[in-house]
N, C-alpha and C. Protein backbone atom coordinates (compact mmCIF):
# COMPACT_ATOMS: atom_id res chain seq x y z
N MET A 1 147.78 76.17 27.65
CA MET A 1 148.76 77.20 27.57
C MET A 1 148.29 78.26 26.59
N THR A 2 148.50 79.51 26.96
CA THR A 2 148.04 80.60 26.11
C THR A 2 149.20 81.08 25.25
N THR A 3 148.85 81.30 24.04
CA THR A 3 149.90 81.79 23.12
C THR A 3 149.70 83.27 22.90
N GLU A 4 150.71 83.90 22.35
CA GLU A 4 150.66 85.34 22.12
C GLU A 4 149.52 85.76 21.21
N PRO A 5 149.27 85.07 20.16
CA PRO A 5 148.18 85.52 19.29
C PRO A 5 146.83 85.50 20.00
N ASP A 6 146.65 84.59 20.96
CA ASP A 6 145.37 84.54 21.68
C ASP A 6 145.18 85.79 22.54
N LEU A 7 146.27 86.28 23.08
CA LEU A 7 146.18 87.46 23.93
C LEU A 7 145.82 88.70 23.12
N LEU A 8 146.21 88.70 21.88
CA LEU A 8 145.97 89.86 21.06
C LEU A 8 144.66 89.80 20.30
N ALA A 9 143.96 88.69 20.41
CA ALA A 9 142.72 88.54 19.67
C ALA A 9 141.68 89.52 20.20
N PRO A 10 140.89 90.09 19.30
CA PRO A 10 139.88 91.04 19.76
C PRO A 10 138.85 90.34 20.65
N GLU A 11 138.39 91.08 21.62
CA GLU A 11 137.41 90.50 22.54
C GLU A 11 136.08 90.40 21.84
N THR A 12 135.39 89.31 22.13
CA THR A 12 134.08 89.16 21.53
C THR A 12 133.04 89.40 22.62
N GLU A 13 131.98 90.03 22.23
CA GLU A 13 130.93 90.33 23.19
C GLU A 13 129.97 89.16 23.26
N THR A 14 129.57 88.88 24.49
CA THR A 14 128.57 87.83 24.65
C THR A 14 127.21 88.49 24.56
N PRO A 15 126.32 87.86 23.87
CA PRO A 15 124.99 88.49 23.74
C PRO A 15 124.26 88.45 25.08
N GLU A 16 123.57 89.54 25.37
CA GLU A 16 122.83 89.63 26.63
C GLU A 16 121.54 88.83 26.53
N ALA A 17 121.15 88.24 27.64
CA ALA A 17 119.90 87.48 27.67
C ALA A 17 118.76 88.47 27.67
N PRO A 18 117.71 88.14 26.97
CA PRO A 18 116.57 89.07 26.96
C PRO A 18 115.92 89.13 28.34
N GLU A 19 115.49 90.32 28.69
CA GLU A 19 114.87 90.50 30.00
C GLU A 19 113.49 89.89 29.99
N ALA A 20 113.13 89.31 31.15
CA ALA A 20 111.79 88.73 31.26
C ALA A 20 110.78 89.85 31.34
N PRO A 21 109.69 89.66 30.69
CA PRO A 21 108.68 90.73 30.73
C PRO A 21 108.14 90.86 32.15
N GLU A 22 107.86 92.08 32.53
CA GLU A 22 107.34 92.32 33.88
C GLU A 22 105.93 91.79 33.99
N THR A 23 105.67 91.16 35.16
CA THR A 23 104.32 90.68 35.39
C THR A 23 103.56 91.78 36.08
N PRO A 24 102.44 92.05 35.60
CA PRO A 24 101.65 93.10 36.25
C PRO A 24 101.18 92.62 37.62
N GLU A 25 101.15 93.53 38.58
CA GLU A 25 100.69 93.18 39.92
C GLU A 25 99.20 92.96 39.90
N ARG A 26 98.81 91.90 40.63
CA ARG A 26 97.37 91.60 40.71
C ARG A 26 96.85 92.16 42.02
N THR A 27 95.86 92.91 41.92
CA THR A 27 95.29 93.53 43.13
C THR A 27 94.21 92.66 43.74
N ASP A 28 93.78 91.62 43.02
CA ASP A 28 92.70 90.79 43.55
C ASP A 28 93.21 89.69 44.51
N ILE A 29 94.54 89.52 44.64
CA ILE A 29 95.11 88.51 45.53
C ILE A 29 95.79 89.23 46.69
N GLU A 30 95.41 88.79 47.91
CA GLU A 30 96.05 89.39 49.10
C GLU A 30 97.24 88.54 49.50
N THR A 31 98.33 89.18 49.70
CA THR A 31 99.51 88.47 50.22
C THR A 31 99.55 88.71 51.72
N PRO A 32 99.73 87.61 52.47
CA PRO A 32 99.74 87.80 53.92
C PRO A 32 100.96 88.61 54.34
N ALA A 33 100.73 89.47 55.30
CA ALA A 33 101.83 90.28 55.82
C ALA A 33 102.74 89.36 56.62
N PRO A 34 104.04 89.55 56.51
CA PRO A 34 104.93 88.70 57.30
C PRO A 34 104.69 88.92 58.79
N GLU A 35 104.67 87.79 59.53
CA GLU A 35 104.45 87.89 60.97
C GLU A 35 105.67 88.51 61.62
N PRO A 36 105.47 89.46 62.50
CA PRO A 36 106.62 90.05 63.16
C PRO A 36 107.27 89.01 64.07
N GLU A 37 108.59 88.96 64.06
CA GLU A 37 109.31 88.03 64.92
C GLU A 37 109.40 88.64 66.32
N LEU A 38 109.10 87.79 67.32
CA LEU A 38 109.13 88.26 68.70
C LEU A 38 110.42 87.82 69.35
N ASP A 39 111.01 88.72 70.10
CA ASP A 39 112.24 88.34 70.81
C ASP A 39 111.86 87.58 72.09
N ALA A 40 112.85 87.06 72.79
CA ALA A 40 112.62 86.24 73.97
C ALA A 40 111.86 87.00 75.05
N ALA A 41 112.17 88.28 75.21
CA ALA A 41 111.50 89.06 76.25
C ALA A 41 110.01 89.21 75.93
N ALA A 42 109.70 89.41 74.66
CA ALA A 42 108.29 89.54 74.28
C ALA A 42 107.56 88.22 74.47
N LEU A 43 108.22 87.09 74.15
CA LEU A 43 107.61 85.77 74.34
C LEU A 43 107.34 85.50 75.81
N ALA A 44 108.24 85.95 76.67
CA ALA A 44 108.09 85.71 78.11
C ALA A 44 106.87 86.45 78.66
N ASP A 45 106.51 87.56 78.03
CA ASP A 45 105.38 88.35 78.51
C ASP A 45 104.04 87.87 77.96
N LEU A 46 104.06 86.88 77.09
CA LEU A 46 102.82 86.38 76.50
C LEU A 46 102.20 85.28 77.34
N VAL A 47 100.88 85.27 77.35
CA VAL A 47 100.16 84.16 77.97
C VAL A 47 99.96 83.13 76.85
N PRO A 48 100.43 81.90 77.05
CA PRO A 48 100.30 80.90 75.98
C PRO A 48 98.84 80.59 75.70
N GLU A 49 98.59 80.01 74.52
CA GLU A 49 97.22 79.69 74.13
C GLU A 49 96.61 78.60 74.99
N THR A 50 97.43 77.64 75.44
CA THR A 50 96.93 76.54 76.27
C THR A 50 97.84 76.38 77.49
N PRO A 51 97.33 75.77 78.55
CA PRO A 51 98.15 75.59 79.75
C PRO A 51 99.39 74.73 79.52
N ASP A 52 99.31 73.78 78.59
CA ASP A 52 100.47 72.92 78.36
C ASP A 52 101.50 73.56 77.44
N ALA A 53 101.26 74.79 77.01
CA ALA A 53 102.20 75.48 76.13
C ALA A 53 103.19 76.37 76.89
N TYR A 54 103.12 76.37 78.22
CA TYR A 54 104.09 77.16 78.99
C TYR A 54 105.49 76.61 78.74
N ALA A 55 106.46 77.51 78.57
CA ALA A 55 107.86 77.12 78.37
C ALA A 55 108.55 77.20 79.73
N ILE A 56 108.53 76.08 80.47
CA ILE A 56 109.04 76.05 81.84
C ILE A 56 110.36 75.28 81.87
N THR A 57 111.35 75.85 82.55
CA THR A 57 112.61 75.17 82.81
C THR A 57 112.61 74.78 84.28
N LEU A 58 112.70 73.47 84.56
CA LEU A 58 112.63 73.00 85.94
C LEU A 58 113.97 73.12 86.64
N ALA A 59 113.92 73.49 87.91
CA ALA A 59 115.12 73.55 88.73
C ALA A 59 115.55 72.13 89.08
N GLU A 60 116.81 72.01 89.46
CA GLU A 60 117.33 70.69 89.84
C GLU A 60 116.57 70.17 91.06
N GLY A 61 116.21 68.92 91.01
CA GLY A 61 115.47 68.33 92.10
C GLY A 61 113.97 68.31 91.87
N MET A 62 113.49 69.09 90.94
CA MET A 62 112.06 69.05 90.60
C MET A 62 111.90 68.06 89.45
N GLU A 63 110.90 67.20 89.59
CA GLU A 63 110.79 66.10 88.65
C GLU A 63 109.97 66.43 87.40
N ASP A 64 108.75 66.89 87.58
CA ASP A 64 107.85 67.07 86.44
C ASP A 64 107.12 68.40 86.53
N ILE A 65 106.67 68.84 85.38
CA ILE A 65 105.81 70.02 85.32
C ILE A 65 104.42 69.57 85.76
N ASP A 66 103.78 70.35 86.59
CA ASP A 66 102.48 70.01 87.16
C ASP A 66 101.37 70.56 86.25
N ALA A 67 100.63 69.67 85.61
CA ALA A 67 99.59 70.08 84.68
C ALA A 67 98.46 70.84 85.38
N ASP A 68 98.11 70.41 86.61
CA ASP A 68 97.06 71.11 87.35
C ASP A 68 97.48 72.53 87.70
N LEU A 69 98.75 72.69 88.10
CA LEU A 69 99.26 74.01 88.41
C LEU A 69 99.24 74.89 87.16
N ASN A 70 99.68 74.33 86.03
CA ASN A 70 99.67 75.10 84.79
C ASN A 70 98.25 75.52 84.41
N GLN A 71 97.27 74.66 84.66
CA GLN A 71 95.87 74.99 84.38
C GLN A 71 95.44 76.20 85.21
N ARG A 72 95.81 76.20 86.49
CA ARG A 72 95.45 77.31 87.36
C ARG A 72 96.18 78.60 86.97
N LEU A 73 97.46 78.47 86.61
CA LEU A 73 98.22 79.65 86.18
C LEU A 73 97.62 80.24 84.90
N HIS A 74 97.24 79.37 83.98
CA HIS A 74 96.67 79.83 82.71
C HIS A 74 95.32 80.50 82.94
N ALA A 75 94.51 79.91 83.81
CA ALA A 75 93.20 80.49 84.12
C ALA A 75 93.35 81.87 84.76
N ALA A 76 94.44 82.07 85.51
CA ALA A 76 94.68 83.36 86.16
C ALA A 76 95.36 84.36 85.22
N GLY A 77 95.71 83.92 84.00
CA GLY A 77 96.31 84.82 83.02
C GLY A 77 97.80 85.03 83.21
N PHE A 78 98.49 84.05 83.80
CA PHE A 78 99.94 84.17 84.01
C PHE A 78 100.68 84.06 82.69
N SER A 79 101.67 84.93 82.51
CA SER A 79 102.53 84.87 81.33
C SER A 79 103.57 83.78 81.53
N ASN A 80 104.37 83.52 80.49
CA ASN A 80 105.45 82.54 80.60
C ASN A 80 106.41 82.92 81.72
N ALA A 81 106.76 84.20 81.78
CA ALA A 81 107.72 84.66 82.80
C ALA A 81 107.15 84.49 84.21
N GLN A 82 105.87 84.80 84.38
CA GLN A 82 105.26 84.66 85.70
C GLN A 82 105.16 83.19 86.11
N ALA A 83 104.81 82.33 85.17
CA ALA A 83 104.73 80.90 85.46
C ALA A 83 106.12 80.35 85.82
N GLN A 84 107.14 80.80 85.09
CA GLN A 84 108.51 80.35 85.39
C GLN A 84 108.90 80.79 86.79
N LEU A 85 108.51 82.00 87.20
CA LEU A 85 108.82 82.49 88.54
C LEU A 85 108.17 81.60 89.61
N VAL A 86 106.94 81.18 89.37
CA VAL A 86 106.26 80.30 90.32
C VAL A 86 107.06 79.00 90.48
N TYR A 87 107.48 78.40 89.37
CA TYR A 87 108.26 77.16 89.43
C TYR A 87 109.62 77.39 90.09
N ASP A 88 110.26 78.53 89.80
CA ASP A 88 111.55 78.83 90.42
C ASP A 88 111.42 78.97 91.93
N LEU A 89 110.39 79.69 92.38
CA LEU A 89 110.18 79.87 93.82
C LEU A 89 109.85 78.53 94.49
N ALA A 90 109.06 77.72 93.82
CA ALA A 90 108.74 76.40 94.38
C ALA A 90 110.02 75.57 94.52
N GLY A 91 110.90 75.65 93.55
CA GLY A 91 112.16 74.92 93.63
C GLY A 91 113.03 75.40 94.77
N GLU A 92 113.07 76.72 94.98
CA GLU A 92 113.88 77.28 96.07
C GLU A 92 113.35 76.90 97.44
N VAL A 93 112.02 76.85 97.58
CA VAL A 93 111.42 76.58 98.88
C VAL A 93 111.25 75.09 99.12
N LEU A 94 110.76 74.37 98.11
CA LEU A 94 110.43 72.96 98.31
C LEU A 94 111.63 72.04 98.29
N SER A 95 112.65 72.35 97.51
CA SER A 95 113.81 71.46 97.43
C SER A 95 114.46 71.23 98.80
N PRO A 96 114.73 72.28 99.59
CA PRO A 96 115.28 72.01 100.93
C PRO A 96 114.31 71.23 101.82
N LEU A 97 113.02 71.53 101.71
CA LEU A 97 112.05 70.81 102.53
C LEU A 97 111.99 69.33 102.15
N LEU A 98 112.06 69.05 100.86
CA LEU A 98 112.05 67.66 100.41
C LEU A 98 113.31 66.94 100.85
N GLY A 99 114.43 67.66 100.86
CA GLY A 99 115.68 67.07 101.37
C GLY A 99 115.56 66.72 102.84
N ASP A 100 114.96 67.63 103.63
CA ASP A 100 114.75 67.37 105.06
C ASP A 100 113.81 66.18 105.25
N LEU A 101 112.77 66.11 104.42
CA LEU A 101 111.82 65.02 104.52
C LEU A 101 112.50 63.68 104.20
N ASP A 102 113.35 63.66 103.19
CA ASP A 102 114.10 62.44 102.86
C ASP A 102 114.99 62.01 104.02
N GLN A 103 115.66 62.98 104.65
CA GLN A 103 116.52 62.65 105.79
C GLN A 103 115.71 62.10 106.96
N ALA A 104 114.56 62.71 107.22
CA ALA A 104 113.71 62.24 108.32
C ALA A 104 113.21 60.82 108.04
N ALA A 105 112.84 60.56 106.81
CA ALA A 105 112.38 59.22 106.45
C ALA A 105 113.51 58.21 106.61
N GLN A 106 114.72 58.59 106.23
CA GLN A 106 115.86 57.69 106.38
C GLN A 106 116.14 57.41 107.87
N ARG A 107 116.06 58.46 108.69
CA ARG A 107 116.27 58.26 110.14
C ARG A 107 115.22 57.32 110.72
N ALA A 108 113.96 57.48 110.30
CA ALA A 108 112.89 56.61 110.81
C ALA A 108 113.12 55.16 110.37
N THR A 109 113.56 54.98 109.14
CA THR A 109 113.87 53.64 108.65
C THR A 109 115.01 53.03 109.44
N ASP A 110 116.05 53.83 109.70
CA ASP A 110 117.19 53.34 110.48
C ASP A 110 116.77 52.97 111.90
N ARG A 111 115.93 53.81 112.52
CA ARG A 111 115.46 53.52 113.87
C ARG A 111 114.66 52.22 113.91
N ALA A 112 113.81 52.03 112.91
CA ALA A 112 113.00 50.81 112.86
C ALA A 112 113.89 49.58 112.69
N ALA A 113 114.94 49.70 111.87
CA ALA A 113 115.86 48.58 111.69
C ALA A 113 116.61 48.28 112.99
N LEU A 114 117.03 49.33 113.69
CA LEU A 114 117.71 49.13 114.97
C LEU A 114 116.78 48.51 116.01
N ALA A 115 115.54 48.96 116.05
CA ALA A 115 114.58 48.41 117.00
C ALA A 115 114.31 46.94 116.69
N ALA A 116 114.22 46.61 115.40
CA ALA A 116 114.00 45.21 115.03
C ALA A 116 115.20 44.35 115.41
N GLU A 117 116.39 44.90 115.29
CA GLU A 117 117.61 44.16 115.58
C GLU A 117 117.88 44.06 117.08
N PHE A 118 117.72 45.17 117.82
CA PHE A 118 118.14 45.21 119.21
C PHE A 118 116.99 45.41 120.20
N GLY A 119 115.78 45.52 119.72
CA GLY A 119 114.65 45.72 120.63
C GLY A 119 114.18 47.15 120.63
N GLY A 120 112.88 47.31 120.69
CA GLY A 120 112.30 48.64 120.62
C GLY A 120 112.02 49.22 121.98
N ALA A 121 111.18 50.23 122.03
CA ALA A 121 110.89 50.96 123.26
C ALA A 121 110.20 50.07 124.29
N GLY A 122 109.33 49.14 123.86
CA GLY A 122 108.66 48.25 124.79
C GLY A 122 109.65 47.33 125.48
N GLU A 123 110.70 47.01 124.80
CA GLU A 123 111.70 46.12 125.38
C GLU A 123 112.66 46.86 126.30
N THR A 124 112.69 48.18 126.20
CA THR A 124 113.57 48.96 127.07
C THR A 124 113.18 48.76 128.53
N GLY A 125 111.86 48.76 128.79
CA GLY A 125 111.39 48.54 130.16
C GLY A 125 111.76 47.15 130.65
N LEU A 126 111.67 46.15 129.78
CA LEU A 126 112.02 44.79 130.16
C LEU A 126 113.52 44.68 130.46
N ARG A 127 114.31 45.36 129.64
CA ARG A 127 115.77 45.34 129.88
C ARG A 127 116.10 45.99 131.23
N SER A 128 115.43 47.08 131.52
CA SER A 128 115.65 47.77 132.81
C SER A 128 115.26 46.86 133.97
N GLU A 129 114.15 46.16 133.80
CA GLU A 129 113.68 45.24 134.84
C GLU A 129 114.68 44.10 135.05
N ILE A 130 115.24 43.56 133.97
CA ILE A 130 116.25 42.49 134.09
C ILE A 130 117.47 43.01 134.83
N ARG A 131 117.94 44.22 134.44
CA ARG A 131 119.11 44.81 135.13
C ARG A 131 118.86 44.99 136.63
N ARG A 132 117.66 45.49 136.93
CA ARG A 132 117.31 45.70 138.35
C ARG A 132 117.36 44.38 139.12
N LYS A 133 116.78 43.34 138.53
CA LYS A 133 116.78 42.02 139.20
C LYS A 133 118.20 41.46 139.33
N MET A 134 119.00 41.66 138.30
CA MET A 134 120.37 41.12 138.35
C MET A 134 121.23 41.89 139.35
N ASN A 135 120.93 43.14 139.62
CA ASN A 135 121.68 43.92 140.61
C ASN A 135 121.24 43.61 142.04
N ASP A 136 120.15 42.93 142.14
CA ASP A 136 119.65 42.53 143.47
C ASP A 136 120.62 41.48 144.05
N PRO A 137 121.09 41.70 145.27
CA PRO A 137 122.02 40.74 145.88
C PRO A 137 121.46 39.33 145.98
N ARG A 138 120.15 39.20 146.04
CA ARG A 138 119.58 37.85 146.09
C ARG A 138 119.89 37.08 144.81
N TYR A 139 120.07 37.80 143.70
CA TYR A 139 120.37 37.14 142.43
C TYR A 139 121.85 36.76 142.37
N TRP A 140 122.75 37.74 142.56
CA TRP A 140 124.18 37.50 142.34
C TRP A 140 124.89 36.91 143.57
N ARG A 141 124.37 37.19 144.76
CA ARG A 141 125.05 36.68 145.96
C ARG A 141 124.39 35.39 146.46
N ASP A 142 123.07 35.42 146.60
CA ASP A 142 122.36 34.29 147.19
C ASP A 142 121.90 33.27 146.15
N ARG A 143 121.87 33.66 144.91
CA ARG A 143 121.39 32.80 143.83
C ARG A 143 120.00 32.25 144.15
N ASP A 144 119.14 33.17 144.56
CA ASP A 144 117.74 32.83 144.89
C ASP A 144 117.11 32.19 143.66
N PRO A 145 116.66 30.93 143.77
CA PRO A 145 116.13 30.22 142.61
C PRO A 145 114.92 30.90 141.99
N THR A 146 114.10 31.53 142.77
CA THR A 146 112.92 32.22 142.21
C THR A 146 113.37 33.41 141.37
N LEU A 147 114.28 34.19 141.90
CA LEU A 147 114.77 35.38 141.17
C LEU A 147 115.56 34.96 139.93
N VAL A 148 116.39 33.92 140.06
CA VAL A 148 117.15 33.42 138.91
C VAL A 148 116.18 32.97 137.82
N ALA A 149 115.11 32.29 138.17
CA ALA A 149 114.11 31.83 137.20
C ALA A 149 113.41 33.01 136.53
N GLU A 150 113.14 34.06 137.31
CA GLU A 150 112.51 35.25 136.73
C GLU A 150 113.44 35.91 135.70
N VAL A 151 114.70 36.03 136.04
CA VAL A 151 115.67 36.65 135.12
C VAL A 151 115.78 35.80 133.85
N GLN A 152 115.85 34.49 134.00
CA GLN A 152 115.94 33.62 132.83
C GLN A 152 114.68 33.73 131.97
N ALA A 153 113.51 33.80 132.60
CA ALA A 153 112.25 33.94 131.86
C ALA A 153 112.21 35.29 131.13
N ASP A 154 112.68 36.33 131.78
CA ASP A 154 112.71 37.66 131.15
C ASP A 154 113.65 37.67 129.94
N PHE A 155 114.81 37.02 130.09
CA PHE A 155 115.74 36.94 128.95
C PHE A 155 115.10 36.16 127.79
N ALA A 156 114.37 35.11 128.13
CA ALA A 156 113.68 34.31 127.08
C ALA A 156 112.63 35.17 126.37
N ARG A 157 111.88 35.96 127.13
CA ARG A 157 110.88 36.85 126.51
C ARG A 157 111.56 37.90 125.64
N LEU A 158 112.67 38.42 126.12
CA LEU A 158 113.40 39.47 125.39
C LEU A 158 113.94 38.94 124.05
N SER A 159 114.41 37.73 124.06
CA SER A 159 114.99 37.17 122.82
C SER A 159 113.92 36.52 121.95
N GLY A 160 112.67 36.56 122.39
CA GLY A 160 111.59 36.01 121.58
C GLY A 160 111.45 34.52 121.72
N GLY A 161 112.05 33.93 122.72
CA GLY A 161 112.00 32.47 122.87
C GLY A 161 111.06 31.97 123.88
């Protein structure tokens, strides 16, 4: 708590700290000039020092940066922006093609599974032959033993037995 006499007390001056003596500049030492900071646009226009120094952002669906491609881009003097454009275009063109390729592979796998389960193209002819024999009146009307035996043998071949 401050009392009245404290408020009326004369102010005391604090002594000033002595100034540090100036150091003379030395001309025999070179100070490196500060490196100018480059903005993003300037960095994009630079060719990196090494092929693996490209700053590439991959599009969705692209897995890895291609070191061989980067080597070729670097040898051709491509800047970061130009290399990024190559990767962007590849993503736009190749991603749909890779999707189509995946679908085609899936269809081929499905067809192979169906052929394994229900018989493939070679068995289609056998199935047609069995149908033809079964539609023959000698099979269904006369029960010709030779024709019945052929149909039974064909069914056994078809089922793998």
